[in-house]
Amino acid sequence: MTKQGFLTYLALLLFIAGCSLYSAPEDDIYVTEILEVRILPNDTVQAGDSITFVCIVEDSLYDGFEYLWGFDNSYRTDTNSISIIATHPNGEELQRGSVSVIDEKGEKKGTSTKPERIYYYAQ
């Protein structure tokens, strides 16, 4: 093997080894996955009644999450549930909201999930 052939072989070998050692960075956008949002007592209530939303996440035992709730107002909680008084502004029965989960303690501090949409009816 010639010197140039050996150097080409060595360069190729180092390239292949380098590729196998490289791992792409993890996607830091999503800190956990929202599995579902439960609505209690159900998704239809009378205006003025209390309605509770429970956000079920993949890493439910981790205590470093904060929950960002968006309805008529925005709320931030350190538990996975919130109770609000159902309203129907402008006479609209279908109400919309959302929840996102933020990591406030862990390695991915400040990262959040994609917002999960919430719908309920206030009659």
PDB file of N, CA and C in Angstrom:
ATOM      1  N   MET A   1       0.857  -1.174   0.000  1.00  0.00           N
ATOM      2  CA  MET A   1       0.000   0.000   0.000  1.00  0.00           C
ATOM      3  C   MET A   1       0.902   1.236   0.000  1.00  0.00           C
ATOM      4  N   THR A   2       0.548   2.176  -0.842  1.00  0.00           N
ATOM      5  CA  THR A   2       1.327   3.401  -0.935  1.00  0.00           C
ATOM      6  C   THR A   2       1.007   4.304   0.240  1.00  0.00           C
ATOM      7  N   LYS A   3       1.858   5.292   0.423  1.00  0.00           N
ATOM      8  CA  LYS A   3       1.675   6.255   1.503  1.00  0.00           C
ATOM      9  C   LYS A   3       0.355   7.014   1.324  1.00  0.00           C
ATOM     10  N   GLN A   4       0.054   7.410   0.073  1.00  0.00           N
ATOM     11  CA  GLN A   4      -1.192   8.137  -0.200  1.00  0.00           C
ATOM     12  C   GLN A   4      -2.406   7.234   0.040  1.00  0.00           C
ATOM     13  N   GLY A   5      -2.322   5.967  -0.334  1.00  0.00           N
ATOM     14  CA  GLY A   5      -3.404   5.020  -0.103  1.00  0.00           C
ATOM     15  C   GLY A   5      -3.629   4.803   1.385  1.00  0.00           C
ATOM     16  N   PHE A   6      -2.528   4.699   2.140  1.00  0.00           N
ATOM     17  CA  PHE A   6      -2.633   4.511   3.591  1.00  0.00           C
ATOM     18  C   PHE A   6      -3.300   5.716   4.240  1.00  0.00           C
ATOM     19  N   LEU A   7      -2.893   6.939   3.835  1.00  0.00           N
ATOM     20  CA  LEU A   7      -3.468   8.152   4.408  1.00  0.00           C
ATOM     21  C   LEU A   7      -4.971   8.263   4.065  1.00  0.00           C
ATOM     22  N   THR A   8      -5.337   7.892   2.849  1.00  0.00           N
ATOM     23  CA  THR A   8      -6.743   7.898   2.451  1.00  0.00           C
ATOM     24  C   THR A   8      -7.530   6.902   3.294  1.00  0.00           C
ATOM     25  N   TYR A   9      -6.974   5.708   3.486  1.00  0.00           N
ATOM     26  CA  TYR A   9      -7.611   4.676   4.310  1.00  0.00           C
ATOM     27  C   TYR A   9      -7.770   5.167   5.747  1.00  0.00           C
ATOM     28  N   LEU A  10      -6.714   5.782   6.305  1.00  0.00           N
ATOM     29  CA  LEU A  10      -6.748   6.288   7.677  1.00  0.00           C
ATOM     30  C   LEU A  10      -7.789   7.402   7.825  1.00  0.00           C
ATOM     31  N   ALA A  11      -7.849   8.305   6.843  1.00  0.00           N
ATOM     32  CA  ALA A  11      -8.826   9.390   6.891  1.00  0.00           C
ATOM     33  C   ALA A  11     -10.251   8.838   6.846  1.00  0.00           C
ATOM     34  N   LEU A  12     -10.474   7.854   5.985  1.00  0.00           N
ATOM     35  CA  LEU A  12     -11.786   7.231   5.888  1.00  0.00           C
ATOM     36  C   LEU A  12     -12.161   6.532   7.191  1.00  0.00           C
ATOM     37  N   LEU A  13     -11.225   5.835   7.777  1.00  0.00           N
ATOM     38  CA  LEU A  13     -11.450   5.137   9.042  1.00  0.00           C
ATOM     39  C   LEU A  13     -11.793   6.128  10.161  1.00  0.00           C
ATOM     40  N   LEU A  14     -11.048   7.231  10.235  1.00  0.00           N
ATOM     41  CA  LEU A  14     -11.337   8.252  11.262  1.00  0.00           C
ATOM     42  C   LEU A  14     -12.700   8.901  11.033  1.00  0.00           C
ATOM     43  N   PHE A  15     -13.069   9.122   9.775  1.00  0.00           N
ATOM     44  CA  PHE A  15     -14.374   9.695   9.453  1.00  0.00           C
ATOM     45  C   PHE A  15     -15.499   8.781   9.918  1.00  0.00           C
ATOM     46  N   ILE A  16     -15.374   7.493   9.625  1.00  0.00           N
ATOM     47  CA  ILE A  16     -16.399   6.518  10.025  1.00  0.00           C
ATOM     48  C   ILE A  16     -16.478   6.425  11.539  1.00  0.00           C
ATOM     49  N   ALA A  17     -15.342   6.389  12.217  1.00  0.00           N
ATOM     50  CA  ALA A  17     -15.322   6.319  13.684  1.00  0.00           C
ATOM     51  C   ALA A  17     -15.938   7.569  14.287  1.00  0.00           C
ATOM     52  N   GLY A  18     -15.631   8.714  13.702  1.00  0.00           N
ATOM     53  CA  GLY A  18     -16.198   9.966  14.206  1.00  0.00           C
ATOM     54  C   GLY A  18     -17.702  10.013  14.046  1.00  0.00           C
ATOM     55  N   CYS A  19     -18.211   9.489  12.938  1.00  0.00           N
ATOM     56  CA  CYS A  19     -19.658   9.476  12.715  1.00  0.00           C
ATOM     57  C   CYS A  19     -20.360   8.587  13.720  1.00  0.00           C
ATOM     58  N   SER A  20     -19.746   7.472  14.072  1.00  0.00           N
ATOM     59  CA  SER A  20     -20.401   6.566  15.012  1.00  0.00           C
ATOM     60  C   SER A  20     -20.357   7.105  16.439  1.00  0.00           C
ATOM     61  N   LEU A  21     -19.389   7.965  16.751  1.00  0.00           N
ATOM     62  CA  LEU A  21     -19.303   8.546  18.088  1.00  0.00           C
ATOM     63  C   LEU A  21     -20.227   9.748  18.249  1.00  0.00           C
ATOM     64  N   TYR A  22     -20.599  10.382  17.159  1.00  0.00           N
ATOM     65  CA  TYR A  22     -21.449  11.561  17.208  1.00  0.00           C
ATOM     66  C   TYR A  22     -22.901  11.159  17.436  1.00  0.00           C
ATOM     67  N   SER A  23     -23.529  11.803  18.373  1.00  0.00           N
ATOM     68  CA  SER A  23     -24.966  11.595  18.545  1.00  0.00           C
ATOM     69  C   SER A  23     -25.631  12.960  18.447  1.00  0.00           C
ATOM     70  N   ALA A  24     -26.681  13.024  17.698  1.00  0.00           N
ATOM     71  CA  ALA A  24     -27.392  14.280  17.501  1.00  0.00           C
ATOM     72  C   ALA A  24     -27.955  14.766  18.830  1.00  0.00           C
ATOM     73  N   PRO A  25     -27.973  16.060  19.050  1.00  0.00           N
ATOM     74  CA  PRO A  25     -28.538  16.571  20.305  1.00  0.00           C
ATOM     75  C   PRO A  25     -30.022  16.244  20.398  1.00  0.00           C
ATOM     76  N   GLU A  26     -30.464  16.018  21.635  1.00  0.00           N
ATOM     77  CA  GLU A  26     -31.882  15.728  21.852  1.00  0.00           C
ATOM     78  C   GLU A  26     -32.717  16.967  21.577  1.00  0.00           C
ATOM     79  N   ASP A  27     -33.927  16.741  21.157  1.00  0.00           N
ATOM     80  CA  ASP A  27     -34.851  17.833  20.905  1.00  0.00           C
ATOM     81  C   ASP A  27     -35.310  18.380  22.253  1.00  0.00           C
ATOM     82  N   ASP A  28     -34.847  19.570  22.611  1.00  0.00           N
ATOM     83  CA  ASP A  28     -35.153  20.145  23.916  1.00  0.00           C
ATOM     84  C   ASP A  28     -36.480  20.883  23.946  1.00  0.00           C
ATOM     85  N   ILE A  29     -37.222  20.851  22.854  1.00  0.00           N
ATOM     86  CA  ILE A  29     -38.482  21.591  22.829  1.00  0.00           C
ATOM     87  C   ILE A  29     -39.502  20.945  23.764  1.00  0.00           C
ATOM     88  N   TYR A  30     -39.595  19.635  23.741  1.00  0.00           N
ATOM     89  CA  TYR A  30     -40.607  18.955  24.526  1.00  0.00           C
ATOM     90  C   TYR A  30     -39.981  18.293  25.740  1.00  0.00           C
ATOM     91  N   VAL A  31     -40.392  18.705  26.922  1.00  0.00           N
ATOM     92  CA  VAL A  31     -39.810  18.204  28.155  1.00  0.00           C
ATOM     93  C   VAL A  31     -40.507  16.923  28.617  1.00  0.00           C
ATOM     94  N   THR A  32     -41.755  16.752  28.292  1.00  0.00           N
ATOM     95  CA  THR A  32     -42.525  15.553  28.591  1.00  0.00           C
ATOM     96  C   THR A  32     -43.670  15.499  27.582  1.00  0.00           C
ATOM     97  N   GLU A  33     -44.510  14.520  27.719  1.00  0.00           N
ATOM     98  CA  GLU A  33     -45.654  14.423  26.809  1.00  0.00           C
ATOM     99  C   GLU A  33     -46.939  14.510  27.609  1.00  0.00           C
ATOM    100  N   ILE A  34     -47.866  15.344  27.157  1.00  0.00           N
ATOM    101  CA  ILE A  34     -49.190  15.396  27.767  1.00  0.00           C
ATOM    102  C   ILE A  34     -49.988  14.250  27.171  1.00  0.00           C
ATOM    103  N   LEU A  35     -50.396  13.320  28.029  1.00  0.00           N
ATOM    104  CA  LEU A  35     -51.139  12.156  27.563  1.00  0.00           C
ATOM    105  C   LEU A  35     -52.622  12.457  27.377  1.00  0.00           C
ATOM    106  N   GLU A  36     -53.185  13.214  28.313  1.00  0.00           N
ATOM    107  CA  GLU A  36     -54.594  13.607  28.195  1.00  0.00           C
ATOM    108  C   GLU A  36     -54.906  14.696  29.204  1.00  0.00           C
ATOM    109  N   VAL A  37     -56.012  15.372  28.975  1.00  0.00           N
ATOM    110  CA  VAL A  37     -56.543  16.337  29.933  1.00  0.00           C
ATOM    111  C   VAL A  37     -57.937  15.867  30.292  1.00  0.00           C
ATOM    112  N   ARG A  38     -58.128  15.556  31.567  1.00  0.00           N
ATOM    113  CA  ARG A  38     -59.452  15.112  32.047  1.00  0.00           C
ATOM    114  C   ARG A  38     -60.237  16.317  32.528  1.00  0.00           C
ATOM    115  N   ILE A  39     -61.536  16.277  32.264  1.00  0.00           N
ATOM    116  CA  ILE A  39     -62.428  17.360  32.672  1.00  0.00           C
ATOM    117  C   ILE A  39     -63.442  16.788  33.643  1.00  0.00           C
ATOM    118  N   LEU A  40     -63.509  17.397  34.839  1.00  0.00           N
ATOM    119  CA  LEU A  40     -64.392  16.897  35.893  1.00  0.00           C
ATOM    120  C   LEU A  40     -65.391  17.981  36.272  1.00  0.00           C
ATOM    121  N   PRO A  41     -66.655  17.721  36.412  1.00  0.00           N
ATOM    122  CA  PRO A  41     -67.300  16.418  36.353  1.00  0.00           C
ATOM    123  C   PRO A  41     -67.393  15.876  34.936  1.00  0.00           C
ATOM    124  N   ASN A  42     -67.547  16.755  33.916  1.00  0.00           N
ATOM    125  CA  ASN A  42     -67.505  16.339  32.507  1.00  0.00           C
ATOM    126  C   ASN A  42     -67.302  17.590  31.674  1.00  0.00           C
ATOM    127  N   ASP A  43     -67.413  17.465  30.356  1.00  0.00           N
ATOM    128  CA  ASP A  43     -67.098  18.614  29.510  1.00  0.00           C
ATOM    129  C   ASP A  43     -68.275  19.562  29.267  1.00  0.00           C
ATOM    130  N   THR A  44     -69.382  19.360  29.984  1.00  0.00           N
ATOM    131  CA  THR A  44     -70.522  20.271  29.868  1.00  0.00           C
ATOM    132  C   THR A  44     -70.998  20.654  31.265  1.00  0.00           C
ATOM    133  N   VAL A  45     -70.974  21.950  31.566  1.00  0.00           N
ATOM    134  CA  VAL A  45     -71.397  22.451  32.878  1.00  0.00           C
ATOM    135  C   VAL A  45     -72.262  23.688  32.677  1.00  0.00           C
ATOM    136  N   GLN A  46     -72.919  24.089  33.740  1.00  0.00           N
ATOM    137  CA  GLN A  46     -73.695  25.319  33.734  1.00  0.00           C
ATOM    138  C   GLN A  46     -72.752  26.489  33.993  1.00  0.00           C
ATOM    139  N   ALA A  47     -72.986  27.586  33.313  1.00  0.00           N
ATOM    140  CA  ALA A  47     -72.201  28.795  33.582  1.00  0.00           C
ATOM    141  C   ALA A  47     -72.331  29.140  35.056  1.00  0.00           C
ATOM    142  N   GLY A  48     -71.223  29.448  35.700  1.00  0.00           N
ATOM    143  CA  GLY A  48     -71.195  29.751  37.126  1.00  0.00           C
ATOM    144  C   GLY A  48     -70.794  28.560  37.979  1.00  0.00           C
ATOM    145  N   ASP A  49     -70.820  27.359  37.410  1.00  0.00           N
ATOM    146  CA  ASP A  49     -70.400  26.164  38.149  1.00  0.00           C
ATOM    147  C   ASP A  49     -68.883  25.999  38.062  1.00  0.00           C
ATOM    148  N   SER A  50     -68.342  25.247  39.003  1.00  0.00           N
ATOM    149  CA  SER A  50     -66.920  24.944  39.022  1.00  0.00           C
ATOM    150  C   SER A  50     -66.626  23.787  38.066  1.00  0.00           C
ATOM    151  N   ILE A  51     -65.520  23.889  37.356  1.00  0.00           N
ATOM    152  CA  ILE A  51     -65.068  22.821  36.476  1.00  0.00           C
ATOM    153  C   ILE A  51     -63.579  22.605  36.736  1.00  0.00           C
ATOM    154  N   THR A  52     -63.155  21.343  36.790  1.00  0.00           N
ATOM    155  CA  THR A  52     -61.770  20.998  37.106  1.00  0.00           C
ATOM    156  C   THR A  52     -61.113  20.325  35.915  1.00  0.00           C
ATOM    157  N   PHE A  53     -59.873  20.726  35.648  1.00  0.00           N
ATOM    158  CA  PHE A  53     -59.076  20.144  34.577  1.00  0.00           C
ATOM    159  C   PHE A  53     -57.866  19.466  35.196  1.00  0.00           C
ATOM    160  N   VAL A  54     -57.584  18.237  34.772  1.00  0.00           N
ATOM    161  CA  VAL A  54     -56.449  17.475  35.284  1.00  0.00           C
ATOM    162  C   VAL A  54     -55.575  17.094  34.095  1.00  0.00           C
ATOM    163  N   CYS A  55     -54.326  17.519  34.129  1.00  0.00           N
ATOM    164  CA  CYS A  55     -53.387  17.257  33.044  1.00  0.00           C
ATOM    165  C   CYS A  55     -52.561  16.007  33.391  1.00  0.00           C
ATOM    166  N   ILE A  56     -52.698  14.960  32.594  1.00  0.00           N
ATOM    167  CA  ILE A  56     -51.965  13.715  32.810  1.00  0.00           C
ATOM    168  C   ILE A  56     -50.743  13.730  31.886  1.00  0.00           C
ATOM    169  N   VAL A  57     -49.550  13.662  32.493  1.00  0.00           N
ATOM    170  CA  VAL A  57     -48.309  13.685  31.715  1.00  0.00           C
ATOM    171  C   VAL A  57     -47.579  12.357  31.821  1.00  0.00           C
ATOM    172  N   GLU A  58     -46.663  12.146  30.902  1.00  0.00           N
ATOM    173  CA  GLU A  58     -45.903  10.901  30.843  1.00  0.00           C
ATOM    174  C   GLU A  58     -45.079  10.674  32.114  1.00  0.00           C
ATOM    175  N   ASP A  59     -44.405  11.699  32.612  1.00  0.00           N
ATOM    176  CA  ASP A  59     -43.533  11.571  33.788  1.00  0.00           C
ATOM    177  C   ASP A  59     -44.266  12.067  35.031  1.00  0.00           C
ATOM    178  N   SER A  60     -45.360  11.420  35.372  1.00  0.00           N
ATOM    179  CA  SER A  60     -46.250  11.946  36.405  1.00  0.00           C
ATOM    180  C   SER A  60     -45.647  11.955  37.811  1.00  0.00           C
ATOM    181  N   LEU A  61     -44.596  11.212  38.071  1.00  0.00           N
ATOM    182  CA  LEU A  61     -43.991  11.192  39.402  1.00  0.00           C
ATOM    183  C   LEU A  61     -42.953  12.305  39.593  1.00  0.00           C
ATOM    184  N   TYR A  62     -42.544  12.950  38.540  1.00  0.00           N
ATOM    185  CA  TYR A  62     -41.567  14.033  38.617  1.00  0.00           C
ATOM    186  C   TYR A  62     -42.245  15.268  39.192  1.00  0.00           C
ATOM    187  N   ASP A  63     -41.650  15.877  40.212  1.00  0.00           N
ATOM    188  CA  ASP A  63     -42.313  17.004  40.886  1.00  0.00           C
ATOM    189  C   ASP A  63     -41.775  18.377  40.469  1.00  0.00           C
ATOM    190  N   GLY A  64     -41.012  18.443  39.398  1.00  0.00           N
ATOM    191  CA  GLY A  64     -40.443  19.717  38.976  1.00  0.00           C
ATOM    192  C   GLY A  64     -41.213  20.435  37.903  1.00  0.00           C
ATOM    193  N   PHE A  65     -42.399  19.942  37.561  1.00  0.00           N
ATOM    194  CA  PHE A  65     -43.177  20.578  36.501  1.00  0.00           C
ATOM    195  C   PHE A  65     -44.043  21.706  37.045  1.00  0.00           C
ATOM    196  N   GLU A  66     -44.248  22.702  36.203  1.00  0.00           N
ATOM    197  CA  GLU A  66     -45.267  23.714  36.441  1.00  0.00           C
ATOM    198  C   GLU A  66     -46.195  23.678  35.242  1.00  0.00           C
ATOM    199  N   TYR A  67     -47.432  24.007  35.482  1.00  0.00           N
ATOM    200  CA  TYR A  67     -48.477  23.911  34.460  1.00  0.00           C
ATOM    201  C   TYR A  67     -48.971  25.313  34.131  1.00  0.00           C
ATOM    202  N   LEU A  68     -48.982  25.639  32.856  1.00  0.00           N
ATOM    203  CA  LEU A  68     -49.472  26.931  32.394  1.00  0.00           C
ATOM    204  C   LEU A  68     -50.840  26.722  31.766  1.00  0.00           C
ATOM    205  N   TRP A  69     -51.848  27.282  32.395  1.00  0.00           N
ATOM    206  CA  TRP A  69     -53.232  27.114  31.958  1.00  0.00           C
ATOM    207  C   TRP A  69     -53.689  28.406  31.305  1.00  0.00           C
ATOM    208  N   GLY A  70     -54.335  28.307  30.172  1.00  0.00           N
ATOM    209  CA  GLY A  70     -54.854  29.484  29.495  1.00  0.00           C
ATOM    210  C   GLY A  70     -56.343  29.339  29.234  1.00  0.00           C
ATOM    211  N   PHE A  71     -57.124  30.164  29.899  1.00  0.00           N
ATOM    212  CA  PHE A  71     -58.570  30.224  29.664  1.00  0.00           C
ATOM    213  C   PHE A  71     -58.885  31.696  29.423  1.00  0.00           C
ATOM    214  N   ASP A  72     -59.899  32.255  30.089  1.00  0.00           N
ATOM    215  CA  ASP A  72     -60.119  33.699  29.984  1.00  0.00           C
ATOM    216  C   ASP A  72     -58.920  34.451  30.560  1.00  0.00           C
ATOM    217  N   ASN A  73     -58.322  33.878  31.582  1.00  0.00           N
ATOM    218  CA  ASN A  73     -57.107  34.401  32.200  1.00  0.00           C
ATOM    219  C   ASN A  73     -56.037  33.322  32.133  1.00  0.00           C
ATOM    220  N   SER A  74     -54.803  33.692  32.410  1.00  0.00           N
ATOM    221  CA  SER A  74     -53.717  32.721  32.460  1.00  0.00           C
ATOM    222  C   SER A  74     -53.402  32.389  33.913  1.00  0.00           C
ATOM    223  N   TYR A  75     -53.089  31.120  34.151  1.00  0.00           N
ATOM    224  CA  TYR A  75     -52.772  30.648  35.491  1.00  0.00           C
ATOM    225  C   TYR A  75     -51.518  29.793  35.423  1.00  0.00           C
ATOM    226  N   ARG A  76     -50.729  29.821  36.483  1.00  0.00           N
ATOM    227  CA  ARG A  76     -49.537  28.984  36.588  1.00  0.00           C
ATOM    228  C   ARG A  76     -49.660  28.211  37.898  1.00  0.00           C
ATOM    229  N   THR A  77     -49.599  26.873  37.830  1.00  0.00           N
ATOM    230  CA  THR A  77     -49.728  26.052  39.030  1.00  0.00           C
ATOM    231  C   THR A  77     -48.571  25.067  39.115  1.00  0.00           C
ATOM    232  N   ASP A  78     -48.292  24.600  40.332  1.00  0.00           N
ATOM    233  CA  ASP A  78     -47.267  23.560  40.485  1.00  0.00           C
ATOM    234  C   ASP A  78     -47.906  22.186  40.672  1.00  0.00           C
ATOM    235  N   THR A  79     -49.212  22.110  40.490  1.00  0.00           N
ATOM    236  CA  THR A  79     -49.916  20.827  40.494  1.00  0.00           C
ATOM    237  C   THR A  79     -50.550  20.627  39.121  1.00  0.00           C
ATOM    238  N   ASN A  80     -50.928  19.402  38.828  1.00  0.00           N
ATOM    239  CA  ASN A  80     -51.436  19.092  37.497  1.00  0.00           C
ATOM    240  C   ASN A  80     -52.933  19.325  37.337  1.00  0.00           C
ATOM    241  N   SER A  81     -53.547  20.050  38.272  1.00  0.00           N
ATOM    242  CA  SER A  81     -54.983  20.306  38.139  1.00  0.00           C
ATOM    243  C   SER A  81     -55.302  21.754  38.494  1.00  0.00           C
ATOM    244  N   ILE A  82     -56.447  22.186  37.980  1.00  0.00           N
ATOM    245  CA  ILE A  82     -56.929  23.540  38.273  1.00  0.00           C
ATOM    246  C   ILE A  82     -58.455  23.513  38.218  1.00  0.00           C
ATOM    247  N   SER A  83     -59.076  24.275  39.083  1.00  0.00           N
ATOM    248  CA  SER A  83     -60.532  24.446  39.064  1.00  0.00           C
ATOM    249  C   SER A  83     -60.828  25.906  38.761  1.00  0.00           C
ATOM    250  N   ILE A  84     -61.774  26.121  37.863  1.00  0.00           N
ATOM    251  CA  ILE A  84     -62.189  27.478  37.525  1.00  0.00           C
ATOM    252  C   ILE A  84     -63.712  27.543  37.529  1.00  0.00           C
ATOM    253  N   ILE A  85     -64.236  28.738  37.501  1.00  0.00           N
ATOM    254  CA  ILE A  85     -65.677  28.931  37.367  1.00  0.00           C
ATOM    255  C   ILE A  85     -65.981  29.059  35.873  1.00  0.00           C
ATOM    256  N   ALA A  86     -66.867  28.203  35.389  1.00  0.00           N
ATOM    257  CA  ALA A  86     -67.215  28.203  33.971  1.00  0.00           C
ATOM    258  C   ALA A  86     -67.999  29.455  33.611  1.00  0.00           C
ATOM    259  N   THR A  87     -67.634  30.059  32.526  1.00  0.00           N
ATOM    260  CA  THR A  87     -68.337  31.241  32.028  1.00  0.00           C
ATOM    261  C   THR A  87     -68.660  31.031  30.556  1.00  0.00           C
ATOM    262  N   HIS A  88     -69.533  31.850  30.024  1.00  0.00           N
ATOM    263  CA  HIS A  88     -69.754  31.840  28.579  1.00  0.00           C
ATOM    264  C   HIS A  88     -69.904  33.278  28.101  1.00  0.00           C
ATOM    265  N   PRO A  89     -68.742  33.939  27.957  1.00  0.00           N
ATOM    266  CA  PRO A  89     -68.775  35.327  27.496  1.00  0.00           C
ATOM    267  C   PRO A  89     -69.392  35.430  26.104  1.00  0.00           C
ATOM    268  N   ASN A  90     -70.088  36.501  25.874  1.00  0.00           N
ATOM    269  CA  ASN A  90     -70.736  36.769  24.586  1.00  0.00           C
ATOM    270  C   ASN A  90     -71.744  35.695  24.190  1.00  0.00           C
ATOM    271  N   GLY A  91     -72.241  34.927  25.165  1.00  0.00           N
ATOM    272  CA  GLY A  91     -73.252  33.927  24.892  1.00  0.00           C
ATOM    273  C   GLY A  91     -72.744  32.675  24.191  1.00  0.00           C
ATOM    274  N   GLU A  92     -71.447  32.558  24.002  1.00  0.00           N
ATOM    275  CA  GLU A  92     -70.891  31.382  23.336  1.00  0.00           C
ATOM    276  C   GLU A  92     -70.791  30.228  24.323  1.00  0.00           C
ATOM    277  N   GLU A  93     -71.334  29.072  23.944  1.00  0.00           N
ATOM    278  CA  GLU A  93     -71.281  27.916  24.834  1.00  0.00           C
ATOM    279  C   GLU A  93     -69.944  27.196  24.765  1.00  0.00           C
ATOM    280  N   LEU A  94     -69.363  27.052  23.568  1.00  0.00           N
ATOM    281  CA  LEU A  94     -68.093  26.347  23.424  1.00  0.00           C
ATOM    282  C   LEU A  94     -66.969  27.232  23.939  1.00  0.00           C
ATOM    283  N   GLN A  95     -66.254  26.742  24.934  1.00  0.00           N
ATOM    284  CA  GLN A  95     -65.137  27.480  25.519  1.00  0.00           C
ATOM    285  C   GLN A  95     -63.833  26.779  25.171  1.00  0.00           C
ATOM    286  N   ARG A  96     -62.788  27.560  25.010  1.00  0.00           N
ATOM    287  CA  ARG A  96     -61.480  27.021  24.647  1.00  0.00           C
ATOM    288  C   ARG A  96     -60.453  27.386  25.700  1.00  0.00           C
ATOM    289  N   GLY A  97     -59.486  26.506  25.847  1.00  0.00           N
ATOM    290  CA  GLY A  97     -58.380  26.765  26.744  1.00  0.00           C
ATOM    291  C   GLY A  97     -57.179  25.963  26.284  1.00  0.00           C
ATOM    292  N   SER A  98     -56.132  26.010  27.078  1.00  0.00           N
ATOM    293  CA  SER A  98     -54.944  25.231  26.760  1.00  0.00           C
ATOM    294  C   SER A  98     -54.126  25.005  28.023  1.00  0.00           C
ATOM    295  N   VAL A  99     -53.233  24.026  27.960  1.00  0.00           N
ATOM    296  CA  VAL A  99     -52.287  23.780  29.044  1.00  0.00           C
ATOM    297  C   VAL A  99     -50.951  23.414  28.422  1.00  0.00           C
ATOM    298  N   SER A 100     -49.879  23.923  29.018  1.00  0.00           N
ATOM    299  CA  SER A 100     -48.507  23.559  28.676  1.00  0.00           C
ATOM    300  C   SER A 100     -47.813  23.164  29.966  1.00  0.00           C
ATOM    301  N   VAL A 101     -46.812  22.318  29.852  1.00  0.00           N
ATOM    302  CA  VAL A 101     -46.061  21.874  31.019  1.00  0.00           C
ATOM    303  C   VAL A 101     -44.629  22.367  30.881  1.00  0.00           C
ATOM    304  N   ILE A 102     -44.126  23.005  31.950  1.00  0.00           N
ATOM    305  CA  ILE A 102     -42.764  23.548  31.958  1.00  0.00           C
ATOM    306  C   ILE A 102     -41.941  22.822  33.015  1.00  0.00           C
ATOM    307  N   ASP A 103     -40.691  22.511  32.687  1.00  0.00           N
ATOM    308  CA  ASP A 103     -39.753  21.931  33.652  1.00  0.00           C
ATOM    309  C   ASP A 103     -39.101  23.085  34.399  1.00  0.00           C
ATOM    310  N   GLU A 104     -39.348  23.193  35.688  1.00  0.00           N
ATOM    311  CA  GLU A 104     -38.790  24.290  36.472  1.00  0.00           C
ATOM    312  C   GLU A 104     -37.604  23.876  37.347  1.00  0.00           C
ATOM    313  N   LYS A 105     -37.251  22.587  37.384  1.00  0.00           N
ATOM    314  CA  LYS A 105     -36.170  22.148  38.268  1.00  0.00           C
ATOM    315  C   LYS A 105     -35.094  21.323  37.576  1.00  0.00           C
ATOM    316  N   GLY A 106     -35.452  20.608  36.536  1.00  0.00           N
ATOM    317  CA  GLY A 106     -34.556  19.606  35.979  1.00  0.00           C
ATOM    318  C   GLY A 106     -33.531  20.116  34.997  1.00  0.00           C
ATOM    319  N   GLU A 107     -32.915  19.168  34.295  1.00  0.00           N
ATOM    320  CA  GLU A 107     -31.872  19.467  33.327  1.00  0.00           C
ATOM    321  C   GLU A 107     -32.380  20.339  32.195  1.00  0.00           C
ATOM    322  N   LYS A 108     -33.633  20.206  31.853  1.00  0.00           N
ATOM    323  CA  LYS A 108     -34.209  20.962  30.734  1.00  0.00           C
ATOM    324  C   LYS A 108     -34.996  22.165  31.247  1.00  0.00           C
ATOM    325  N   LYS A 109     -34.486  22.797  32.290  1.00  0.00           N
ATOM    326  CA  LYS A 109     -35.181  23.912  32.938  1.00  0.00           C
ATOM    327  C   LYS A 109     -35.625  24.953  31.922  1.00  0.00           C
ATOM    328  N   GLY A 110     -36.875  25.331  32.034  1.00  0.00           N
ATOM    329  CA  GLY A 110     -37.423  26.366  31.174  1.00  0.00           C
ATOM    330  C   GLY A 110     -38.034  25.843  29.884  1.00  0.00           C
ATOM    331  N   THR A 111     -37.822  24.584  29.553  1.00  0.00           N
ATOM    332  CA  THR A 111     -38.419  24.048  28.335  1.00  0.00           C
ATOM    333  C   THR A 111     -39.847  23.624  28.610  1.00  0.00           C
ATOM    334  N   SER A 112     -40.660  23.622  27.584  1.00  0.00           N
ATOM    335  CA  SER A 112     -42.063  23.294  27.785  1.00  0.00           C
ATOM    336  C   SER A 112     -42.574  22.364  26.702  1.00  0.00           C
ATOM    337  N   THR A 113     -43.763  21.848  26.956  1.00  0.00           N
ATOM    338  CA  THR A 113     -44.434  21.002  25.976  1.00  0.00           C
ATOM    339  C   THR A 113     -45.161  21.865  24.969  1.00  0.00           C
ATOM    340  N   LYS A 114     -45.581  21.249  23.917  1.00  0.00           N
ATOM    341  CA  LYS A 114     -46.484  21.881  22.968  1.00  0.00           C
ATOM    342  C   LYS A 114     -47.815  22.073  23.701  1.00  0.00           C
ATOM    343  N   PRO A 115     -48.477  23.216  23.558  1.00  0.00           N
ATOM    344  CA  PRO A 115     -49.754  23.409  24.260  1.00  0.00           C
ATOM    345  C   PRO A 115     -50.805  22.387  23.833  1.00  0.00           C
ATOM    346  N   GLU A 116     -51.527  21.884  24.810  1.00  0.00           N
ATOM    347  CA  GLU A 116     -52.637  20.943  24.557  1.00  0.00           C
ATOM    348  C   GLU A 116     -53.927  21.761  24.600  1.00  0.00           C
ATOM    349  N   ARG A 117     -54.729  21.660  23.575  1.00  0.00           N
ATOM    350  CA  ARG A 117     -55.994  22.396  23.502  1.00  0.00           C
ATOM    351  C   ARG A 117     -57.043  21.718  24.384  1.00  0.00           C
ATOM    352  N   ILE A 118     -57.885  22.544  25.001  1.00  0.00           N
ATOM    353  CA  ILE A 118     -58.968  22.074  25.872  1.00  0.00           C
ATOM    354  C   ILE A 118     -60.256  22.724  25.398  1.00  0.00           C
ATOM    355  N   TYR A 119     -61.322  21.930  25.317  1.00  0.00           N
ATOM    356  CA  TYR A 119     -62.627  22.456  24.941  1.00  0.00           C
ATOM    357  C   TYR A 119     -63.663  21.991  25.958  1.00  0.00           C
ATOM    358  N   TYR A 120     -64.580  22.890  26.321  1.00  0.00           N
ATOM    359  CA  TYR A 120     -65.705  22.503  27.183  1.00  0.00           C
ATOM    360  C   TYR A 120     -66.886  23.408  26.860  1.00  0.00           C
ATOM    361  N   TYR A 121     -68.056  22.963  27.306  1.00  0.00           N
ATOM    362  CA  TYR A 121     -69.286  23.716  27.074  1.00  0.00           C
ATOM    363  C   TYR A 121     -69.789  24.303  28.392  1.00  0.00           C
ATOM    364  N   ALA A 122     -70.107  25.591  28.363  1.00  0.00           N
ATOM    365  CA  ALA A 122     -70.737  26.266  29.500  1.00  0.00           C
ATOM    366  C   ALA A 122     -72.095  26.738  29.014  1.00  0.00           C
ATOM    367  N   GLN A 123     -73.151  26.173  29.584  1.00  0.00           N
ATOM    368  CA  GLN A 123     -74.509  26.500  29.130  1.00  0.00           C
ATOM    369  C   GLN A 123     -75.136  27.579  29.978  1.00  0.00           C
TER     370      GLN A 123
END
